[in-house]
Amino acid sequence: MTHSELLKIEAKNGDISISMRGTCFRIKYRVEQSHWLIAEESGPDDPDASISIFDFRKLAWEAAMEKAGELGWLNLPRRESSAPDAAHNK
C-alpha cells in the first residue's frame, strides 16, 4: 500500500495534517522558517489500530516530507544521480 491509500494528507497555510484512515492517529507538521518540518500536534494512541503509533509516526513523517517537497516548502539538496556519466563510458 502507498501513503495515499493508508493516510489522509492535507496541506494548508504552511501546515501538513496527516491522519490514518480507520484509526484515531493524527499528526500535524508545520514548516519552520529554516525550512524544516516540526511536529506541532499529535493525536492519541489507538490500541485497536493494525500498526503502532510509532509506525504511524514514521509513515506520517515520510508522507509529510514527500508532500512538503512536492509543494516546494523545503529547500532540500538534490541527490546526484548514481548513474555513471555517459561521457566517461566512451
Protein backbone atom coordinates (compact mmCIF):
# COMPACT_ATOMS: atom_id res chain seq x y z
CA MET A 1 0.00 0.00 0.00
CA THR A 2 1.09 3.55 -0.64
CA HIS A 3 0.90 6.52 1.69
CA SER A 4 -2.14 7.78 -0.19
CA GLU A 5 -4.01 4.52 0.42
CA LEU A 6 -3.29 4.49 4.16
CA LEU A 7 -3.12 8.17 5.02
CA LYS A 8 -5.21 11.28 4.54
CA ILE A 9 -2.82 14.14 3.78
CA GLU A 10 -3.88 17.81 3.77
CA ALA A 11 -1.62 20.82 3.23
CA LYS A 12 -2.82 24.29 4.15
CA ASN A 13 -1.22 27.56 5.30
CA GLY A 14 2.22 26.03 5.86
CA ASP A 15 0.83 23.07 7.79
CA ILE A 16 0.59 19.43 6.76
CA SER A 17 -2.04 17.40 8.60
CA ILE A 18 -1.94 13.63 8.36
CA SER A 19 -4.35 11.06 9.69
CA MET A 20 -4.57 7.33 9.19
CA ARG A 21 -7.80 6.00 7.78
CA GLY A 22 -9.75 3.82 10.22
CA THR A 23 -7.75 4.90 13.28
CA CYS A 24 -7.51 7.73 15.81
CA PHE A 25 -3.94 8.51 14.64
CA ARG A 26 -3.28 12.05 13.52
CA ILE A 27 -0.38 14.46 13.47
CA LYS A 28 0.20 17.99 12.23
CA TYR A 29 3.51 19.37 11.00
CA ARG A 30 4.35 22.98 10.36
CA VAL A 31 7.12 24.34 8.20
CA GLU A 32 9.65 26.42 10.12
CA GLN A 33 11.47 29.40 8.64
CA SER A 34 14.54 27.20 8.43
CA HIS A 35 12.53 25.01 6.05
CA TRP A 36 12.20 22.06 8.41
CA LEU A 37 9.06 20.23 9.44
CA ILE A 38 8.17 20.42 13.12
CA ALA A 39 5.56 18.12 14.67
CA GLU A 40 3.11 20.53 16.26
CA GLU A 41 0.20 18.34 17.33
CA SER A 42 -0.17 14.62 17.71
CA GLY A 43 -3.30 12.57 18.29
CA PRO A 44 -3.88 9.76 20.75
CA ASP A 45 -2.67 6.19 20.61
CA ASP A 46 -5.14 3.71 19.12
CA PRO A 47 -4.85 0.24 20.68
CA ASP A 48 -7.24 -1.16 18.04
CA ALA A 49 -5.10 0.03 15.10
CA SER A 50 -3.27 -2.53 12.96
CA ILE A 51 0.05 -0.68 13.47
CA SER A 52 1.71 1.02 16.45
CA ILE A 53 1.73 4.77 16.94
CA PHE A 54 5.48 4.65 16.29
CA ASP A 55 4.95 3.03 12.89
CA PHE A 56 2.27 5.63 12.14
CA ARG A 57 4.64 8.46 13.02
CA LYS A 58 7.26 7.00 10.67
CA LEU A 59 4.74 6.75 7.82
CA ALA A 60 3.41 10.23 8.57
CA TRP A 61 6.91 11.76 8.59
CA GLU A 62 7.74 10.18 5.22
CA ALA A 63 4.43 11.35 3.72
CA ALA A 64 4.82 14.88 5.14
CA MET A 65 8.36 15.20 3.79
CA GLU A 66 7.19 13.98 0.39
CA LYS A 67 4.24 16.41 0.34
CA ALA A 68 6.35 19.36 1.52
CA GLY A 69 8.89 18.58 -1.19
CA GLU A 70 6.19 18.44 -3.86
CA LEU A 71 4.91 21.84 -2.70
CA GLY A 72 8.41 23.35 -2.67
CA TRP A 73 8.17 24.12 1.04
CA LEU A 74 11.58 22.62 1.85
CA ASN A 75 14.98 23.55 0.49
CA LEU A 76 16.42 20.08 0.25
CA PRO A 77 19.63 19.40 -1.65
CA ARG A 78 19.08 17.47 -4.84
CA ARG A 79 20.53 14.00 -4.99
CA GLU A 80 23.16 13.46 -7.60
CA SER A 81 22.46 10.61 -9.95
CA SER A 82 24.41 7.48 -9.12
CA ALA A 83 24.45 6.50 -12.79
CA PRO A 84 27.86 6.76 -14.42
CA ASP A 85 28.42 9.77 -16.64
CA ALA A 86 27.84 8.76 -20.28
CA ALA A 87 30.86 10.80 -21.38
CA HIS A 88 33.16 8.62 -19.31
CA ASN A 89 31.84 5.46 -20.93
CA LYS A 90 33.04 6.33 -24.45
